PDB file of N, CA and C in Angstrom:
ATOM      1  N   MET A   1     167.894 131.698  96.407  1.00  0.00           N
ATOM      2  CA  MET A   1     167.138 130.533  96.779  1.00  0.00           C
ATOM      3  C   MET A   1     165.651 130.699  96.482  1.00  0.00           C
ATOM      4  N   ILE A   2     165.141 131.912  96.522  1.00  0.00           N
ATOM      5  CA  ILE A   2     163.720 132.127  96.282  1.00  0.00           C
ATOM      6  C   ILE A   2     163.452 132.108  94.792  1.00  0.00           C
ATOM      7  N   GLY A   3     162.543 131.261  94.391  1.00  0.00           N
ATOM      8  CA  GLY A   3     162.165 131.132  93.004  1.00  0.00           C
ATOM      9  C   GLY A   3     160.797 130.493  92.938  1.00  0.00           C
ATOM     10  N   GLN A   4     160.460 129.915  91.810  1.00  0.00           N
ATOM     11  CA  GLN A   4     159.129 129.344  91.668  1.00  0.00           C
ATOM     12  C   GLN A   4     158.911 128.112  92.526  1.00  0.00           C
ATOM     13  N   ASN A   5     159.963 127.482  93.018  1.00  0.00           N
ATOM     14  CA  ASN A   5     159.816 126.283  93.827  1.00  0.00           C
ATOM     15  C   ASN A   5     159.846 126.560  95.322  1.00  0.00           C
ATOM     16  N   PHE A   6     159.840 127.823  95.723  1.00  0.00           N
ATOM     17  CA  PHE A   6     159.943 128.147  97.132  1.00  0.00           C
ATOM     18  C   PHE A   6     158.889 129.166  97.534  1.00  0.00           C
ATOM     19  N   VAL A   7     158.500 129.122  98.800  1.00  0.00           N
ATOM     20  CA  VAL A   7     157.587 130.087  99.393  1.00  0.00           C
ATOM     21  C   VAL A   7     158.357 130.782 100.504  1.00  0.00           C
ATOM     22  N   GLU A   8     158.341 132.104 100.545  1.00  0.00           N
ATOM     23  CA  GLU A   8     159.098 132.830 101.566  1.00  0.00           C
ATOM     24  C   GLU A   8     158.509 132.618 102.953  1.00  0.00           C
ATOM     25  N   SER A   9     159.377 132.512 103.931  1.00  0.00           N
ATOM     26  CA  SER A   9     158.989 132.525 105.331  1.00  0.00           C
ATOM     27  C   SER A   9     159.717 133.690 105.969  1.00  0.00           C
ATOM     28  N   SER A  10     159.571 133.823 107.281  1.00  0.00           N
ATOM     29  CA  SER A  10     160.248 134.926 107.951  1.00  0.00           C
ATOM     30  C   SER A  10     161.749 134.688 108.055  1.00  0.00           C
ATOM     31  N   VAL A  11     162.215 133.459 107.824  1.00  0.00           N
ATOM     32  CA  VAL A  11     163.630 133.148 107.957  1.00  0.00           C
ATOM     33  C   VAL A  11     164.246 132.825 106.603  1.00  0.00           C
ATOM     34  N   PHE A  12     163.738 131.817 105.940  1.00  0.00           N
ATOM     35  CA  PHE A  12     164.234 131.405 104.632  1.00  0.00           C
ATOM     36  C   PHE A  12     163.050 131.140 103.723  1.00  0.00           C
ATOM     37  N   SER A  13     163.184 130.178 102.859  1.00  0.00           N
ATOM     38  CA  SER A  13     162.108 129.817 101.954  1.00  0.00           C
ATOM     39  C   SER A  13     161.688 128.371 102.189  1.00  0.00           C
ATOM     40  N   PHE A  14     160.411 128.105 101.963  1.00  0.00           N
ATOM     41  CA  PHE A  14     159.898 126.751 102.021  1.00  0.00           C
ATOM     42  C   PHE A  14     159.759 126.231 100.595  1.00  0.00           C
ATOM     43  N   SER A  15     160.132 124.999 100.403  1.00  0.00           N
ATOM     44  CA  SER A  15     160.009 124.390  99.089  1.00  0.00           C
ATOM     45  C   SER A  15     158.547 124.141  98.757  1.00  0.00           C
ATOM     46  N   LYS A  16     158.200 124.306  97.499  1.00  0.00           N
ATOM     47  CA  LYS A  16     156.875 123.950  97.019  1.00  0.00           C
ATOM     48  C   LYS A  16     156.923 122.641  96.240  1.00  0.00           C
ATOM     49  N   THR A  17     158.095 122.029  96.134  1.00  0.00           N
ATOM     50  CA  THR A  17     158.243 120.780  95.405  1.00  0.00           C
ATOM     51  C   THR A  17     158.993 119.764  96.261  1.00  0.00           C
ATOM     52  N   PRO A  18     158.744 118.471  96.062  1.00  0.00           N
ATOM     53  CA  PRO A  18     159.481 117.444  96.804  1.00  0.00           C
ATOM     54  C   PRO A  18     160.988 117.526  96.571  1.00  0.00           C
ATOM     55  N   GLU A  19     161.397 117.924  95.378  1.00  0.00           N
ATOM     56  CA  GLU A  19     162.819 117.975  95.040  1.00  0.00           C
ATOM     57  C   GLU A  19     163.581 118.993  95.875  1.00  0.00           C
ATOM     58  N   GLY A  20     162.926 120.038  96.328  1.00  0.00           N
ATOM     59  CA  GLY A  20     163.603 121.092  97.062  1.00  0.00           C
ATOM     60  C   GLY A  20     163.429 121.033  98.568  1.00  0.00           C
ATOM     61  N   ILE A  21     162.665 120.057  99.048  1.00  0.00           N
ATOM     62  CA  ILE A  21     162.322 120.077 100.465  1.00  0.00           C
ATOM     63  C   ILE A  21     163.521 119.836 101.385  1.00  0.00           C
ATOM     64  N   VAL A  22     164.454 118.979 100.990  1.00  0.00           N
ATOM     65  CA  VAL A  22     165.587 118.686 101.871  1.00  0.00           C
ATOM     66  C   VAL A  22     166.481 119.921 102.024  1.00  0.00           C
ATOM     67  N   ASP A  23     166.754 120.630 100.923  1.00  0.00           N
ATOM     68  CA  ASP A  23     167.554 121.856 101.013  1.00  0.00           C
ATOM     69  C   ASP A  23     166.857 122.910 101.866  1.00  0.00           C
ATOM     70  N   SER A  24     165.553 123.035 101.705  1.00  0.00           N
ATOM     71  CA  SER A  24     164.785 123.984 102.497  1.00  0.00           C
ATOM     72  C   SER A  24     164.809 123.580 103.977  1.00  0.00           C
ATOM     73  N   PHE A  25     164.620 122.291 104.239  1.00  0.00           N
ATOM     74  CA  PHE A  25     164.661 121.771 105.606  1.00  0.00           C
ATOM     75  C   PHE A  25     166.017 122.048 106.253  1.00  0.00           C
ATOM     76  N   LEU A  26     167.094 121.794 105.515  1.00  0.00           N
ATOM     77  CA  LEU A  26     168.445 122.023 106.033  1.00  0.00           C
ATOM     78  C   LEU A  26     168.676 123.501 106.369  1.00  0.00           C
ATOM     79  N   ALA A  27     168.268 124.382 105.478  1.00  0.00           N
ATOM     80  CA  ALA A  27     168.432 125.823 105.734  1.00  0.00           C
ATOM     81  C   ALA A  27     167.681 126.239 106.992  1.00  0.00           C
ATOM     82  N   HIS A  28     166.492 125.715 107.170  1.00  0.00           N
ATOM     83  CA  HIS A  28     165.713 126.057 108.354  1.00  0.00           C
ATOM     84  C   HIS A  28     166.305 125.442 109.616  1.00  0.00           C
ATOM     85  N   MET A  29     166.786 124.214 109.546  1.00  0.00           N
ATOM     86  CA  MET A  29     167.427 123.596 110.718  1.00  0.00           C
ATOM     87  C   MET A  29     168.622 124.430 111.158  1.00  0.00           C
ATOM     88  N   ASN A  30     169.407 124.872 110.218  1.00  0.00           N
ATOM     89  CA  ASN A  30     170.609 125.632 110.543  1.00  0.00           C
ATOM     90  C   ASN A  30     170.321 127.086 110.904  1.00  0.00           C
ATOM     91  N   SER A  31     169.052 127.484 110.864  1.00  0.00           N
ATOM     92  CA  SER A  31     168.658 128.817 111.334  1.00  0.00           C
ATOM     93  C   SER A  31     168.440 128.820 112.843  1.00  0.00           C
ATOM     94  N   PHE A  32     168.295 127.632 113.441  1.00  0.00           N
ATOM     95  CA  PHE A  32     168.068 127.479 114.879  1.00  0.00           C
ATOM     96  C   PHE A  32     166.790 128.183 115.327  1.00  0.00           C
ATOM     97  N   HIS A  33     165.759 128.180 114.480  1.00  0.00           N
ATOM     98  CA  HIS A  33     164.502 128.873 114.751  1.00  0.00           C
ATOM     99  C   HIS A  33     163.382 127.837 114.853  1.00  0.00           C
ATOM    100  N   THR A  34     163.023 127.471 116.089  1.00  0.00           N
ATOM    101  CA  THR A  34     162.079 126.381 116.342  1.00  0.00           C
ATOM    102  C   THR A  34     160.715 126.625 115.719  1.00  0.00           C
ATOM    103  N   GLU A  35     160.151 127.795 115.913  1.00  0.00           N
ATOM    104  CA  GLU A  35     158.799 128.050 115.403  1.00  0.00           C
ATOM    105  C   GLU A  35     158.722 127.896 113.888  1.00  0.00           C
ATOM    106  N   THR A  36     159.727 128.360 113.193  1.00  0.00           N
ATOM    107  CA  THR A  36     159.734 128.206 111.739  1.00  0.00           C
ATOM    108  C   THR A  36     159.896 126.744 111.359  1.00  0.00           C
ATOM    109  N   MET A  37     160.763 126.022 112.055  1.00  0.00           N
ATOM    110  CA  MET A  37     160.967 124.597 111.770  1.00  0.00           C
ATOM    111  C   MET A  37     159.680 123.808 111.941  1.00  0.00           C
ATOM    112  N   LEU A  38     158.853 124.185 112.890  1.00  0.00           N
ATOM    113  CA  LEU A  38     157.621 123.444 113.144  1.00  0.00           C
ATOM    114  C   LEU A  38     156.648 123.509 111.976  1.00  0.00           C
ATOM    115  N   ARG A  39     156.825 124.460 111.077  1.00  0.00           N
ATOM    116  CA  ARG A  39     155.955 124.536 109.895  1.00  0.00           C
ATOM    117  C   ARG A  39     156.171 123.351 108.962  1.00  0.00           C
ATOM    118  N   PHE A  40     157.268 122.615 109.135  1.00  0.00           N
ATOM    119  CA  PHE A  40     157.510 121.417 108.335  1.00  0.00           C
ATOM    120  C   PHE A  40     156.699 120.220 108.829  1.00  0.00           C
ATOM    121  N   TYR A  41     156.132 120.312 110.008  1.00  0.00           N
ATOM    122  CA  TYR A  41     155.494 119.166 110.644  1.00  0.00           C
ATOM    123  C   TYR A  41     153.986 119.338 110.763  1.00  0.00           C
ATOM    124  N   GLU A  42     153.253 118.248 110.532  1.00  0.00           N
ATOM    125  CA  GLU A  42     151.818 118.202 110.790  1.00  0.00           C
ATOM    126  C   GLU A  42     151.614 118.120 112.300  1.00  0.00           C
ATOM    127  N   GLU A  43     150.388 118.406 112.753  1.00  0.00           N
ATOM    128  CA  GLU A  43     150.088 118.369 114.191  1.00  0.00           C
ATOM    129  C   GLU A  43     150.395 117.005 114.810  1.00  0.00           C
ATOM    130  N   ASP A  44     150.185 115.926 114.081  1.00  0.00           N
ATOM    131  CA  ASP A  44     150.388 114.583 114.615  1.00  0.00           C
ATOM    132  C   ASP A  44     151.672 113.924 114.104  1.00  0.00           C
ATOM    133  N   ALA A  45     152.625 114.741 113.682  1.00  0.00           N
ATOM    134  CA  ALA A  45     153.889 114.227 113.137  1.00  0.00           C
ATOM    135  C   ALA A  45     154.663 113.448 114.196  1.00  0.00           C
ATOM    136  N   ILE A  46     155.535 112.565 113.715  1.00  0.00           N
ATOM    137  CA  ILE A  46     156.415 111.801 114.599  1.00  0.00           C
ATOM    138  C   ILE A  46     157.852 112.131 114.233  1.00  0.00           C
ATOM    139  N   PHE A  47     158.656 112.413 115.244  1.00  0.00           N
ATOM    140  CA  PHE A  47     160.069 112.763 115.120  1.00  0.00           C
ATOM    141  C   PHE A  47     160.839 111.719 115.916  1.00  0.00           C
ATOM    142  N   ILE A  48     161.785 111.044 115.290  1.00  0.00           N
ATOM    143  CA  ILE A  48     162.595 110.049 115.981  1.00  0.00           C
ATOM    144  C   ILE A  48     163.907 110.715 116.398  1.00  0.00           C
ATOM    145  N   ASN A  49     164.165 110.777 117.701  1.00  0.00           N
ATOM    146  CA  ASN A  49     165.373 111.447 118.167  1.00  0.00           C
ATOM    147  C   ASN A  49     166.593 110.537 118.030  1.00  0.00           C
ATOM    148  N   ASP A  50     167.752 111.039 118.426  1.00  0.00           N
ATOM    149  CA  ASP A  50     168.995 110.290 118.230  1.00  0.00           C
ATOM    150  C   ASP A  50     169.092 109.040 119.106  1.00  0.00           C
ATOM    151  N   ASN A  51     168.223 108.922 120.101  1.00  0.00           N
ATOM    152  CA  ASN A  51     168.170 107.705 120.915  1.00  0.00           C
ATOM    153  C   ASN A  51     167.177 106.694 120.362  1.00  0.00           C
ATOM    154  N   GLY A  52     166.552 107.032 119.224  1.00  0.00           N
ATOM    155  CA  GLY A  52     165.570 106.141 118.612  1.00  0.00           C
ATOM    156  C   GLY A  52     164.195 106.229 119.241  1.00  0.00           C
ATOM    157  N   GLU A  53     163.971 107.250 120.080  1.00  0.00           N
ATOM    158  CA  GLU A  53     162.696 107.410 120.762  1.00  0.00           C
ATOM    159  C   GLU A  53     161.771 108.302 119.932  1.00  0.00           C
ATOM    160  N   PRO A  54     160.526 107.871 119.718  1.00  0.00           N
ATOM    161  CA  PRO A  54     159.593 108.709 118.957  1.00  0.00           C
ATOM    162  C   PRO A  54     159.067 109.860 119.796  1.00  0.00           C
ATOM    163  N   ARG A  55     158.962 111.014 119.175  1.00  0.00           N
ATOM    164  CA  ARG A  55     158.332 112.186 119.769  1.00  0.00           C
ATOM    165  C   ARG A  55     157.139 112.518 118.885  1.00  0.00           C
ATOM    166  N   ARG A  56     155.965 112.604 119.504  1.00  0.00           N
ATOM    167  CA  ARG A  56     154.729 112.792 118.748  1.00  0.00           C
ATOM    168  C   ARG A  56     154.156 114.183 118.981  1.00  0.00           C
ATOM    169  N   GLY A  57     153.773 114.830 117.877  1.00  0.00           N
ATOM    170  CA  GLY A  57     153.131 116.133 117.960  1.00  0.00           C
ATOM    171  C   GLY A  57     154.125 117.278 118.019  1.00  0.00           C
ATOM    172  N   LYS A  58     153.617 118.448 117.669  1.00  0.00           N
ATOM    173  CA  LYS A  58     154.487 119.619 117.561  1.00  0.00           C
ATOM    174  C   LYS A  58     155.114 120.036 118.891  1.00  0.00           C
ATOM    175  N   LEU A  59     154.416 119.866 120.005  1.00  0.00           N
ATOM    176  CA  LEU A  59     154.977 120.257 121.295  1.00  0.00           C
ATOM    177  C   LEU A  59     156.207 119.415 121.632  1.00  0.00           C
ATOM    178  N   GLU A  60     156.118 118.100 121.477  1.00  0.00           N
ATOM    179  CA  GLU A  60     157.263 117.232 121.763  1.00  0.00           C
ATOM    180  C   GLU A  60     158.391 117.457 120.762  1.00  0.00           C
ATOM    181  N   ILE A  61     158.041 117.691 119.508  1.00  0.00           N
ATOM    182  CA  ILE A  61     159.063 117.958 118.491  1.00  0.00           C
ATOM    183  C   ILE A  61     159.774 119.274 118.814  1.00  0.00           C
ATOM    184  N   ALA A  62     159.024 120.282 119.232  1.00  0.00           N
ATOM    185  CA  ALA A  62     159.628 121.575 119.600  1.00  0.00           C
ATOM    186  C   ALA A  62     160.624 121.397 120.738  1.00  0.00           C
ATOM    187  N   ARG A  63     160.300 120.572 121.708  1.00  0.00           N
ATOM    188  CA  ARG A  63     161.226 120.325 122.819  1.00  0.00           C
ATOM    189  C   ARG A  63     162.526 119.694 122.319  1.00  0.00           C
ATOM    190  N   GLU A  64     162.414 118.731 121.407  1.00  0.00           N
ATOM    191  CA  GLU A  64     163.609 118.097 120.834  1.00  0.00           C
ATOM    192  C   GLU A  64     164.452 119.109 120.070  1.00  0.00           C
ATOM    193  N   LEU A  65     163.791 119.922 119.248  1.00  0.00           N
ATOM    194  CA  LEU A  65     164.513 120.923 118.464  1.00  0.00           C
ATOM    195  C   LEU A  65     165.193 121.951 119.368  1.00  0.00           C
ATOM    196  N   ASP A  66     164.491 122.405 120.399  1.00  0.00           N
ATOM    197  CA  ASP A  66     165.078 123.374 121.328  1.00  0.00           C
ATOM    198  C   ASP A  66     166.336 122.813 121.988  1.00  0.00           C
ATOM    199  N   CYS A  67     166.294 121.546 122.363  1.00  0.00           N
ATOM    200  CA  CYS A  67     167.482 120.914 122.979  1.00  0.00           C
ATOM    201  C   CYS A  67     168.651 120.908 122.002  1.00  0.00           C
ATOM    202  N   PHE A  68     168.376 120.604 120.753  1.00  0.00           N
ATOM    203  CA  PHE A  68     169.432 120.577 119.745  1.00  0.00           C
ATOM    204  C   PHE A  68     169.933 121.995 119.447  1.00  0.00           C
ATOM    205  N   PHE A  69     169.015 122.935 119.267  1.00  0.00           N
ATOM    206  CA  PHE A  69     169.377 124.289 118.863  1.00  0.00           C
ATOM    207  C   PHE A  69     170.202 125.020 119.910  1.00  0.00           C
ATOM    208  N   LYS A  70     170.043 124.689 121.179  1.00  0.00           N
ATOM    209  CA  LYS A  70     170.768 125.416 122.225  1.00  0.00           C
ATOM    210  C   LYS A  70     172.284 125.274 122.096  1.00  0.00           C
ATOM    211  N   PHE A  71     172.738 124.241 121.396  1.00  0.00           N
ATOM    212  CA  PHE A  71     174.170 124.052 121.197  1.00  0.00           C
ATOM    213  C   PHE A  71     174.722 124.911 120.061  1.00  0.00           C
ATOM    214  N   GLY A  72     173.859 125.391 119.166  1.00  0.00           N
ATOM    215  CA  GLY A  72     174.293 126.251 118.078  1.00  0.00           C
ATOM    216  C   GLY A  72     175.196 125.562 117.068  1.00  0.00           C
ATOM    217  N   LEU A  73     175.004 124.270 116.879  1.00  0.00           N
ATOM    218  CA  LEU A  73     175.848 123.509 115.957  1.00  0.00           C
ATOM    219  C   LEU A  73     175.091 123.206 114.672  1.00  0.00           C
ATOM    220  N   PRO A  74     175.581 123.677 113.536  1.00  0.00           N
ATOM    221  CA  PRO A  74     174.898 123.403 112.271  1.00  0.00           C
ATOM    222  C   PRO A  74     175.055 121.935 111.874  1.00  0.00           C
ATOM    223  N   ILE A  75     174.148 121.490 111.024  1.00  0.00           N
ATOM    224  CA  ILE A  75     174.169 120.099 110.582  1.00  0.00           C
ATOM    225  C   ILE A  75     174.330 120.010 109.071  1.00  0.00           C
ATOM    226  N   LYS A  76     174.675 118.820 108.630  1.00  0.00           N
ATOM    227  CA  LYS A  76     174.558 118.481 107.216  1.00  0.00           C
ATOM    228  C   LYS A  76     173.620 117.286 107.156  1.00  0.00           C
ATOM    229  N   ILE A  77     172.996 117.074 106.017  1.00  0.00           N
ATOM    230  CA  ILE A  77     171.982 116.037 105.870  1.00  0.00           C
ATOM    231  C   ILE A  77     172.345 115.101 104.729  1.00  0.00           C
ATOM    232  N   THR A  78     172.156 113.814 104.976  1.00  0.00           N
ATOM    233  CA  THR A  78     172.207 112.806 103.930  1.00  0.00           C
ATOM    234  C   THR A  78     170.786 112.275 103.774  1.00  0.00           C
ATOM    235  N   THR A  79     170.239 112.377 102.573  1.00  0.00           N
ATOM    236  CA  THR A  79     168.879 111.927 102.318  1.00  0.00           C
ATOM    237  C   THR A  79     168.868 110.426 102.077  1.00  0.00           C
ATOM    238  N   LYS A  80     168.058 109.730 102.853  1.00  0.00           N
ATOM    239  CA  LYS A  80     167.868 108.285 102.664  1.00  0.00           C
ATOM    240  C   LYS A  80     166.687 108.043 101.725  1.00  0.00           C
ATOM    241  N   ASN A  81     165.556 108.688 101.998  1.00  0.00           N
ATOM    242  CA  ASN A  81     164.363 108.581 101.172  1.00  0.00           C
ATOM    243  C   ASN A  81     163.460 109.778 101.393  1.00  0.00           C
ATOM    244  N   VAL A  82     162.715 110.134 100.366  1.00  0.00           N
ATOM    245  CA  VAL A  82     161.650 111.120 100.465  1.00  0.00           C
ATOM    246  C   VAL A  82     160.418 110.475  99.857  1.00  0.00           C
ATOM    247  N   TYR A  83     159.394 110.296 100.673  1.00  0.00           N
ATOM    248  CA  TYR A  83     158.136 109.713 100.211  1.00  0.00           C
ATOM    249  C   TYR A  83     157.124 110.833 100.105  1.00  0.00           C
ATOM    250  N   VAL A  84     156.449 110.921  98.961  1.00  0.00           N
ATOM    251  CA  VAL A  84     155.506 112.003  98.718  1.00  0.00           C
ATOM    252  C   VAL A  84     154.131 111.417  98.433  1.00  0.00           C
ATOM    253  N   ASP A  85     153.113 111.993  99.074  1.00  0.00           N
ATOM    254  CA  ASP A  85     151.723 111.638  98.803  1.00  0.00           C
ATOM    255  C   ASP A  85     150.916 112.923  98.853  1.00  0.00           C
ATOM    256  N   GLY A  86     150.539 113.410  97.698  1.00  0.00           N
ATOM    257  CA  GLY A  86     149.799 114.671  97.635  1.00  0.00           C
ATOM    258  C   GLY A  86     150.663 115.818  98.124  1.00  0.00           C
ATOM    259  N   ASN A  87     150.171 116.549  99.130  1.00  0.00           N
ATOM    260  CA  ASN A  87     150.931 117.686  99.645  1.00  0.00           C
ATOM    261  C   ASN A  87     151.730 117.338 100.907  1.00  0.00           C
ATOM    262  N   LEU A  88     151.907 116.053 101.196  1.00  0.00           N
ATOM    263  CA  LEU A  88     152.698 115.614 102.344  1.00  0.00           C
ATOM    264  C   LEU A  88     153.956 114.901 101.881  1.00  0.00           C
ATOM    265  N   ALA A  89     155.016 115.093 102.628  1.00  0.00           N
ATOM    266  CA  ALA A  89     156.267 114.386 102.342  1.00  0.00           C
ATOM    267  C   ALA A  89     156.794 113.804 103.645  1.00  0.00           C
ATOM    268  N   SER A  90     157.262 112.576 103.576  1.00  0.00           N
ATOM    269  CA  SER A  90     157.920 111.934 104.705  1.00  0.00           C
ATOM    270  C   SER A  90     159.395 111.854 104.370  1.00  0.00           C
ATOM    271  N   LEU A  91     160.220 112.464 105.212  1.00  0.00           N
ATOM    272  CA  LEU A  91     161.655 112.516 104.957  1.00  0.00           C
ATOM    273  C   LEU A  91     162.378 111.523 105.858  1.00  0.00           C
ATOM    274  N   ILE A  92     163.209 110.694 105.260  1.00  0.00           N
ATOM    275  CA  ILE A  92     164.078 109.794 106.008  1.00  0.00           C
ATOM    276  C   ILE A  92     165.485 110.338 105.794  1.00  0.00           C
ATOM    277  N   LEU A  93     166.039 110.950 106.859  1.00  0.00           N
ATOM    278  CA  LEU A  93     167.300 111.684 106.748  1.00  0.00           C
ATOM    279  C   LEU A  93     168.275 111.235 107.821  1.00  0.00           C
ATOM    280  N   ASP A  94     169.542 111.262 107.498  1.00  0.00           N
ATOM    281  CA  ASP A  94     170.605 111.132 108.492  1.00  0.00           C
ATOM    282  C   ASP A  94     171.205 112.515 108.670  1.00  0.00           C
ATOM    283  N   TRP A  95     171.366 112.944 109.908  1.00  0.00           N
ATOM    284  CA  TRP A  95     171.951 114.233 110.219  1.00  0.00           C
ATOM    285  C   TRP A  95     173.317 114.013 110.833  1.00  0.00           C
ATOM    286  N   SER A  96     174.195 114.923 110.595  1.00  0.00           N
ATOM    287  CA  SER A  96     175.471 114.934 111.306  1.00  0.00           C
ATOM    288  C   SER A  96     175.887 116.374 111.534  1.00  0.00           C
ATOM    289  N   ILE A  97     176.635 116.586 112.596  1.00  0.00           N
ATOM    290  CA  ILE A  97     177.068 117.931 112.956  1.00  0.00           C
ATOM    291  C   ILE A  97     178.265 118.336 112.105  1.00  0.00           C
ATOM    292  N   VAL A  98     178.253 119.572 111.626  1.00  0.00           N
ATOM    293  CA  VAL A  98     179.369 120.125 110.853  1.00  0.00           C
ATOM    294  C   VAL A  98     180.460 120.490 111.846  1.00  0.00           C
ATOM    295  N   LYS A  99     181.601 119.871 111.713  1.00  0.00           N
ATOM    296  CA  LYS A  99     182.697 120.116 112.650  1.00  0.00           C
ATOM    297  C   LYS A  99     183.369 121.447 112.369  1.00  0.00           C
ATOM    298  N   GLY A 100     183.843 122.077 113.439  1.00  0.00           N
ATOM    299  CA  GLY A 100     184.625 123.286 113.295  1.00  0.00           C
ATOM    300  C   GLY A 100     183.831 124.562 113.180  1.00  0.00           C
ATOM    301  N   PHE A 101     182.505 124.496 113.352  1.00  0.00           N
ATOM    302  CA  PHE A 101     181.699 125.707 113.258  1.00  0.00           C
ATOM    303  C   PHE A 101     180.714 125.714 114.395  1.00  0.00           C
ATOM    304  N   ARG A 102     180.527 126.872 114.992  1.00  0.00           N
ATOM    305  CA  ARG A 102     179.540 127.025 116.055  1.00  0.00           C
ATOM    306  C   ARG A 102     178.912 128.396 115.923  1.00  0.00           C
ATOM    307  N   LYS A 103     177.592 128.455 115.996  1.00  0.00           N
ATOM    308  CA  LYS A 103     176.884 129.725 115.950  1.00  0.00           C
ATOM    309  C   LYS A 103     177.096 130.435 117.277  1.00  0.00           C
ATOM    310  N   HIS A 104     177.455 131.706 117.228  1.00  0.00           N
ATOM    311  CA  HIS A 104     177.700 132.456 118.470  1.00  0.00           C
ATOM    312  C   HIS A 104     176.508 133.279 118.830  1.00  0.00           C
TER     313      HIS A 104
END
């Protein structure tokens, strides 16, 4: 996975291109590592939870991720849209839980 389009992190790699960001995001989500996942978000980012409620900022996003990660259930992602402006990307994704697998 590490190549010219990725930057190493302590868990996996971060994409350096818009084309690779969803795969990088998915790998990090399935690592269940909140601090690393937060590197995908700006300080004032907005995260829409499964109830449609916005969570603003890294602290609220971390709380949402921690709630999800405690179940140890990996996800798969369907990309709806990726909007890129300079070094920022806005991801519109649908997530679903992978059935039959649980992290122990």
